[in-house]
Amino acid sequence: MKNRLEQIRKQRGIKQEELADALEVSRQTIGSLENGRYNPSIVLAFKLARYFELSIEDIFIYEEEARG
């Protein structure tokens, strides 16, 4: 799943470690989210949205796979 997490975090001048501490996850989790290697749990997605005062859709871009 694509996301704008890194862009949003950098715009606000927040380091990966600061965000990880605020959300009670590891810095590696934040890095994996930003690189698209890891999709968040719904709970973590809500925590991120609340932290940044955005909607989940403002952060994460859901693209349905084409069905043939």
PDB file of N, CA and C in Angstrom:
ATOM      1  N   MET A   1       0.852  -1.178   0.000  1.00  0.00           N
ATOM      2  CA  MET A   1       0.000   0.000   0.000  1.00  0.00           C
ATOM      3  C   MET A   1       0.895   1.237   0.000  1.00  0.00           C
ATOM      4  N   LYS A   2       0.604   2.147  -0.895  1.00  0.00           N
ATOM      5  CA  LYS A   2       1.385   3.387  -0.948  1.00  0.00           C
ATOM      6  C   LYS A   2       0.926   4.314   0.165  1.00  0.00           C
ATOM      7  N   ASN A   3       1.852   5.210   0.556  1.00  0.00           N
ATOM      8  CA  ASN A   3       1.481   6.182   1.581  1.00  0.00           C
ATOM      9  C   ASN A   3       2.312   7.445   1.446  1.00  0.00           C
ATOM     10  N   ARG A   4       1.868   8.471   2.137  1.00  0.00           N
ATOM     11  CA  ARG A   4       2.540   9.768   2.137  1.00  0.00           C
ATOM     12  C   ARG A   4       3.215  10.029   3.489  1.00  0.00           C
ATOM     13  N   LEU A   5       3.439   8.978   4.255  1.00  0.00           N
ATOM     14  CA  LEU A   5       3.929   9.123   5.621  1.00  0.00           C
ATOM     15  C   LEU A   5       5.250   9.883   5.687  1.00  0.00           C
ATOM     16  N   GLU A   6       6.222   9.489   4.882  1.00  0.00           N
ATOM     17  CA  GLU A   6       7.532  10.156   4.928  1.00  0.00           C
ATOM     18  C   GLU A   6       7.397  11.634   4.570  1.00  0.00           C
ATOM     19  N   GLN A   7       6.639  11.923   3.534  1.00  0.00           N
ATOM     20  CA  GLN A   7       6.434  13.309   3.106  1.00  0.00           C
ATOM     21  C   GLN A   7       5.786  14.137   4.229  1.00  0.00           C
ATOM     22  N   ILE A   8       4.754  13.608   4.839  1.00  0.00           N
ATOM     23  CA  ILE A   8       4.051  14.321   5.912  1.00  0.00           C
ATOM     24  C   ILE A   8       4.968  14.516   7.110  1.00  0.00           C
ATOM     25  N   ARG A   9       5.685  13.468   7.485  1.00  0.00           N
ATOM     26  CA  ARG A   9       6.583  13.535   8.641  1.00  0.00           C
ATOM     27  C   ARG A   9       7.666  14.589   8.420  1.00  0.00           C
ATOM     28  N   LYS A  10       8.275  14.594   7.238  1.00  0.00           N
ATOM     29  CA  LYS A  10       9.353  15.550   6.951  1.00  0.00           C
ATOM     30  C   LYS A  10       8.830  16.982   6.879  1.00  0.00           C
ATOM     31  N   GLN A  11       7.636  17.163   6.314  1.00  0.00           N
ATOM     32  CA  GLN A  11       7.040  18.502   6.245  1.00  0.00           C
ATOM     33  C   GLN A  11       6.886  19.101   7.636  1.00  0.00           C
ATOM     34  N   ARG A  12       6.642  18.240   8.607  1.00  0.00           N
ATOM     35  CA  ARG A  12       6.411  18.704   9.973  1.00  0.00           C
ATOM     36  C   ARG A  12       7.666  18.670  10.832  1.00  0.00           C
ATOM     37  N   GLY A  13       8.788  18.293  10.221  1.00  0.00           N
ATOM     38  CA  GLY A  13      10.060  18.311  10.923  1.00  0.00           C
ATOM     39  C   GLY A  13      10.168  17.283  12.039  1.00  0.00           C
ATOM     40  N   ILE A  14       9.553  16.134  11.844  1.00  0.00           N
ATOM     41  CA  ILE A  14       9.556  15.081  12.861  1.00  0.00           C
ATOM     42  C   ILE A  14      10.494  13.970  12.418  1.00  0.00           C
ATOM     43  N   LYS A  15      11.351  13.536  13.318  1.00  0.00           N
ATOM     44  CA  LYS A  15      12.272  12.437  13.010  1.00  0.00           C
ATOM     45  C   LYS A  15      11.548  11.106  13.164  1.00  0.00           C
ATOM     46  N   GLN A  16      12.058  10.089  12.462  1.00  0.00           N
ATOM     47  CA  GLN A  16      11.470   8.756  12.561  1.00  0.00           C
ATOM     48  C   GLN A  16      11.413   8.298  14.015  1.00  0.00           C
ATOM     49  N   GLU A  17      12.483   8.543  14.771  1.00  0.00           N
ATOM     50  CA  GLU A  17      12.523   8.107  16.174  1.00  0.00           C
ATOM     51  C   GLU A  17      11.457   8.798  17.014  1.00  0.00           C
ATOM     52  N   GLU A  18      11.252  10.090  16.777  1.00  0.00           N
ATOM     53  CA  GLU A  18      10.228  10.825  17.526  1.00  0.00           C
ATOM     54  C   GLU A  18       8.842  10.245  17.257  1.00  0.00           C
ATOM     55  N   LEU A  19       8.560   9.971  15.986  1.00  0.00           N
ATOM     56  CA  LEU A  19       7.259   9.416  15.612  1.00  0.00           C
ATOM     57  C   LEU A  19       7.094   8.019  16.208  1.00  0.00           C
ATOM     58  N   ALA A  20       8.145   7.225  16.123  1.00  0.00           N
ATOM     59  CA  ALA A  20       8.102   5.872  16.678  1.00  0.00           C
ATOM     60  C   ALA A  20       7.813   5.913  18.179  1.00  0.00           C
ATOM     61  N   ASP A  21       8.493   6.800  18.901  1.00  0.00           N
ATOM     62  CA  ASP A  21       8.262   6.919  20.347  1.00  0.00           C
ATOM     63  C   ASP A  21       6.825   7.323  20.645  1.00  0.00           C
ATOM     64  N   ALA A  22       6.311   8.289  19.884  1.00  0.00           N
ATOM     65  CA  ALA A  22       4.947   8.781  20.110  1.00  0.00           C
ATOM     66  C   ALA A  22       3.913   7.679  19.875  1.00  0.00           C
ATOM     67  N   LEU A  23       4.205   6.787  18.932  1.00  0.00           N
ATOM     68  CA  LEU A  23       3.244   5.740  18.576  1.00  0.00           C
ATOM     69  C   LEU A  23       3.542   4.405  19.253  1.00  0.00           C
ATOM     70  N   GLU A  24       4.616   4.378  20.035  1.00  0.00           N
ATOM     71  CA  GLU A  24       5.030   3.174  20.763  1.00  0.00           C
ATOM     72  C   GLU A  24       5.319   2.012  19.817  1.00  0.00           C
ATOM     73  N   VAL A  25       6.061   2.324  18.746  1.00  0.00           N
ATOM     74  CA  VAL A  25       6.554   1.305  17.823  1.00  0.00           C
ATOM     75  C   VAL A  25       8.052   1.554  17.625  1.00  0.00           C
ATOM     76  N   SER A  26       8.722   0.664  16.914  1.00  0.00           N
ATOM     77  CA  SER A  26      10.154   0.844  16.675  1.00  0.00           C
ATOM     78  C   SER A  26      10.386   1.801  15.501  1.00  0.00           C
ATOM     79  N   ARG A  27      11.583   2.371  15.459  1.00  0.00           N
ATOM     80  CA  ARG A  27      11.946   3.227  14.338  1.00  0.00           C
ATOM     81  C   ARG A  27      11.948   2.410  13.050  1.00  0.00           C
ATOM     82  N   GLN A  28      12.325   1.126  13.161  1.00  0.00           N
ATOM     83  CA  GLN A  28      12.325   0.249  11.997  1.00  0.00           C
ATOM     84  C   GLN A  28      10.915   0.088  11.420  1.00  0.00           C
ATOM     85  N   THR A  29       9.905   0.055  12.294  1.00  0.00           N
ATOM     86  CA  THR A  29       8.520  -0.036  11.828  1.00  0.00           C
ATOM     87  C   THR A  29       8.162   1.190  11.002  1.00  0.00           C
ATOM     88  N   ILE A  30       8.553   2.366  11.476  1.00  0.00           N
ATOM     89  CA  ILE A  30       8.274   3.601  10.732  1.00  0.00           C
ATOM     90  C   ILE A  30       8.980   3.567   9.379  1.00  0.00           C
ATOM     91  N   GLY A  31      10.241   3.151   9.375  1.00  0.00           N
ATOM     92  CA  GLY A  31      10.992   3.050   8.118  1.00  0.00           C
ATOM     93  C   GLY A  31      10.348   2.083   7.148  1.00  0.00           C
ATOM     94  N   SER A  32       9.898   0.943   7.654  1.00  0.00           N
ATOM     95  CA  SER A  32       9.250  -0.055   6.802  1.00  0.00           C
ATOM     96  C   SER A  32       7.929   0.458   6.241  1.00  0.00           C
ATOM     97  N   LEU A  33       7.185   1.193   7.054  1.00  0.00           N
ATOM     98  CA  LEU A  33       5.938   1.797   6.574  1.00  0.00           C
ATOM     99  C   LEU A  33       6.231   2.783   5.444  1.00  0.00           C
ATOM    100  N   GLU A  34       7.228   3.645   5.679  1.00  0.00           N
ATOM    101  CA  GLU A  34       7.551   4.676   4.693  1.00  0.00           C
ATOM    102  C   GLU A  34       8.035   4.076   3.382  1.00  0.00           C
ATOM    103  N   ASN A  35       8.714   2.956   3.450  1.00  0.00           N
ATOM    104  CA  ASN A  35       9.247   2.315   2.247  1.00  0.00           C
ATOM    105  C   ASN A  35       8.252   1.361   1.594  1.00  0.00           C
ATOM    106  N   GLY A  36       7.069   1.230   2.189  1.00  0.00           N
ATOM    107  CA  GLY A  36       6.042   0.374   1.615  1.00  0.00           C
ATOM    108  C   GLY A  36       6.293  -1.112   1.809  1.00  0.00           C
ATOM    109  N   ARG A  37       7.217  -1.458   2.719  1.00  0.00           N
ATOM    110  CA  ARG A  37       7.507  -2.869   2.977  1.00  0.00           C
ATOM    111  C   ARG A  37       6.544  -3.471   3.993  1.00  0.00           C
ATOM    112  N   TYR A  38       5.792  -2.609   4.647  1.00  0.00           N
ATOM    113  CA  TYR A  38       4.929  -3.051   5.741  1.00  0.00           C
ATOM    114  C   TYR A  38       3.640  -2.253   5.703  1.00  0.00           C
ATOM    115  N   ASN A  39       2.512  -2.934   5.764  1.00  0.00           N
ATOM    116  CA  ASN A  39       1.218  -2.266   5.870  1.00  0.00           C
ATOM    117  C   ASN A  39       0.825  -2.229   7.336  1.00  0.00           C
ATOM    118  N   PRO A  40       0.347  -1.095   7.814  1.00  0.00           N
ATOM    119  CA  PRO A  40       0.028  -0.980   9.235  1.00  0.00           C
ATOM    120  C   PRO A  40      -1.225  -1.749   9.618  1.00  0.00           C
ATOM    121  N   SER A  41      -1.292  -2.126  10.872  1.00  0.00           N
ATOM    122  CA  SER A  41      -2.553  -2.639  11.399  1.00  0.00           C
ATOM    123  C   SER A  41      -3.548  -1.483  11.370  1.00  0.00           C
ATOM    124  N   ILE A  42      -4.807  -1.798  11.456  1.00  0.00           N
ATOM    125  CA  ILE A  42      -5.812  -0.731  11.470  1.00  0.00           C
ATOM    126  C   ILE A  42      -5.617   0.173  12.684  1.00  0.00           C
ATOM    127  N   VAL A  43      -5.198  -0.405  13.804  1.00  0.00           N
ATOM    128  CA  VAL A  43      -4.959   0.388  15.016  1.00  0.00           C
ATOM    129  C   VAL A  43      -3.820   1.374  14.785  1.00  0.00           C
ATOM    130  N   LEU A  44      -2.722   0.905  14.179  1.00  0.00           N
ATOM    131  CA  LEU A  44      -1.596   1.792  13.913  1.00  0.00           C
ATOM    132  C   LEU A  44      -1.968   2.864  12.892  1.00  0.00           C
ATOM    133  N   ALA A  45      -2.759   2.509  11.903  1.00  0.00           N
ATOM    134  CA  ALA A  45      -3.215   3.496  10.918  1.00  0.00           C
ATOM    135  C   ALA A  45      -4.020   4.602  11.599  1.00  0.00           C
ATOM    136  N   PHE A  46      -4.904   4.224  12.522  1.00  0.00           N
ATOM    137  CA  PHE A  46      -5.673   5.225  13.264  1.00  0.00           C
ATOM    138  C   PHE A  46      -4.766   6.079  14.146  1.00  0.00           C
ATOM    139  N   LYS A  47      -3.775   5.463  14.789  1.00  0.00           N
ATOM    140  CA  LYS A  47      -2.845   6.224  15.634  1.00  0.00           C
ATOM    141  C   LYS A  47      -2.080   7.256  14.810  1.00  0.00           C
ATOM    142  N   LEU A  48      -1.629   6.846  13.630  1.00  0.00           N
ATOM    143  CA  LEU A  48      -0.924   7.773  12.745  1.00  0.00           C
ATOM    144  C   LEU A  48      -1.828   8.925  12.333  1.00  0.00           C
ATOM    145  N   ALA A  49      -3.053   8.611  11.950  1.00  0.00           N
ATOM    146  CA  ALA A  49      -3.998   9.643  11.528  1.00  0.00           C
ATOM    147  C   ALA A  49      -4.270  10.627  12.662  1.00  0.00           C
ATOM    148  N   ARG A  50      -4.474  10.111  13.861  1.00  0.00           N
ATOM    149  CA  ARG A  50      -4.729  10.992  15.004  1.00  0.00           C
ATOM    150  C   ARG A  50      -3.507  11.841  15.335  1.00  0.00           C
ATOM    151  N   TYR A  51      -2.331  11.223  15.278  1.00  0.00           N
ATOM    152  CA  TYR A  51      -1.094  11.952  15.585  1.00  0.00           C
ATOM    153  C   TYR A  51      -0.934  13.158  14.658  1.00  0.00           C
ATOM    154  N   PHE A  52      -1.168  12.947  13.378  1.00  0.00           N
ATOM    155  CA  PHE A  52      -0.995  14.021  12.394  1.00  0.00           C
ATOM    156  C   PHE A  52      -2.264  14.851  12.184  1.00  0.00           C
ATOM    157  N   GLU A  53      -3.349  14.490  12.879  1.00  0.00           N
ATOM    158  CA  GLU A  53      -4.635  15.172  12.741  1.00  0.00           C
ATOM    159  C   GLU A  53      -5.092  15.179  11.281  1.00  0.00           C
ATOM    160  N   LEU A  54      -4.988  14.000  10.665  1.00  0.00           N
ATOM    161  CA  LEU A  54      -5.410  13.796   9.286  1.00  0.00           C
ATOM    162  C   LEU A  54      -6.316  12.567   9.242  1.00  0.00           C
ATOM    163  N   SER A  55      -6.940  12.353   8.103  1.00  0.00           N
ATOM    164  CA  SER A  55      -7.698  11.113   7.952  1.00  0.00           C
ATOM    165  C   SER A  55      -6.737  10.018   7.496  1.00  0.00           C
ATOM    166  N   ILE A  56      -7.129   8.776   7.685  1.00  0.00           N
ATOM    167  CA  ILE A  56      -6.305   7.660   7.216  1.00  0.00           C
ATOM    168  C   ILE A  56      -6.081   7.793   5.712  1.00  0.00           C
ATOM    169  N   GLU A  57      -7.114   8.208   4.984  1.00  0.00           N
ATOM    170  CA  GLU A  57      -7.009   8.348   3.529  1.00  0.00           C
ATOM    171  C   GLU A  57      -6.036   9.453   3.120  1.00  0.00           C
ATOM    172  N   ASP A  58      -5.798  10.429   4.002  1.00  0.00           N
ATOM    173  CA  ASP A  58      -4.822  11.477   3.707  1.00  0.00           C
ATOM    174  C   ASP A  58      -3.394  10.931   3.753  1.00  0.00           C
ATOM    175  N   ILE A  59      -3.194   9.849   4.478  1.00  0.00           N
ATOM    176  CA  ILE A  59      -1.858   9.275   4.656  1.00  0.00           C
ATOM    177  C   ILE A  59      -1.639   8.074   3.745  1.00  0.00           C
ATOM    178  N   PHE A  60      -2.632   7.187   3.706  1.00  0.00           N
ATOM    179  CA  PHE A  60      -2.491   5.935   2.965  1.00  0.00           C
ATOM    180  C   PHE A  60      -3.323   5.958   1.695  1.00  0.00           C
ATOM    181  N   ILE A  61      -2.734   5.450   0.617  1.00  0.00           N
ATOM    182  CA  ILE A  61      -3.391   5.433  -0.678  1.00  0.00           C
ATOM    183  C   ILE A  61      -3.743   3.991  -1.014  1.00  0.00           C
ATOM    184  N   TYR A  62      -5.017   3.697  -0.971  1.00  0.00           N
ATOM    185  CA  TYR A  62      -5.480   2.343  -1.268  1.00  0.00           C
ATOM    186  C   TYR A  62      -5.792   2.248  -2.746  1.00  0.00           C
ATOM    187  N   GLU A  63      -5.135   1.323  -3.406  1.00  0.00           N
ATOM    188  CA  GLU A  63      -5.381   1.105  -4.821  1.00  0.00           C
ATOM    189  C   GLU A  63      -5.849  -0.325  -5.014  1.00  0.00           C
ATOM    190  N   GLU A  64      -7.058  -0.481  -5.481  1.00  0.00           N
ATOM    191  CA  GLU A  64      -7.568  -1.836  -5.721  1.00  0.00           C
ATOM    192  C   GLU A  64      -6.820  -2.457  -6.893  1.00  0.00           C
ATOM    193  N   GLU A  65      -6.522  -3.730  -6.759  1.00  0.00           N
ATOM    194  CA  GLU A  65      -5.873  -4.442  -7.845  1.00  0.00           C
ATOM    195  C   GLU A  65      -6.878  -4.670  -8.958  1.00  0.00           C
ATOM    196  N   ALA A  66      -6.430  -4.514 -10.162  1.00  0.00           N
ATOM    197  CA  ALA A  66      -7.309  -4.736 -11.316  1.00  0.00           C
ATOM    198  C   ALA A  66      -7.676  -6.220 -11.373  1.00  0.00           C
ATOM    199  N   ARG A  67      -8.945  -6.455 -11.571  1.00  0.00           N
ATOM    200  CA  ARG A  67      -9.406  -7.838 -11.680  1.00  0.00           C
ATOM    201  C   ARG A  67      -9.758  -8.132 -13.126  1.00  0.00           C
ATOM    202  N   GLY A  68      -9.274  -9.248 -13.612  1.00  0.00           N
ATOM    203  CA  GLY A  68      -9.509  -9.573 -15.019  1.00  0.00           C
ATOM    204  C   GLY A  68     -10.298 -10.751 -15.191  1.00  0.00           C
TER     205      GLY A  68
END
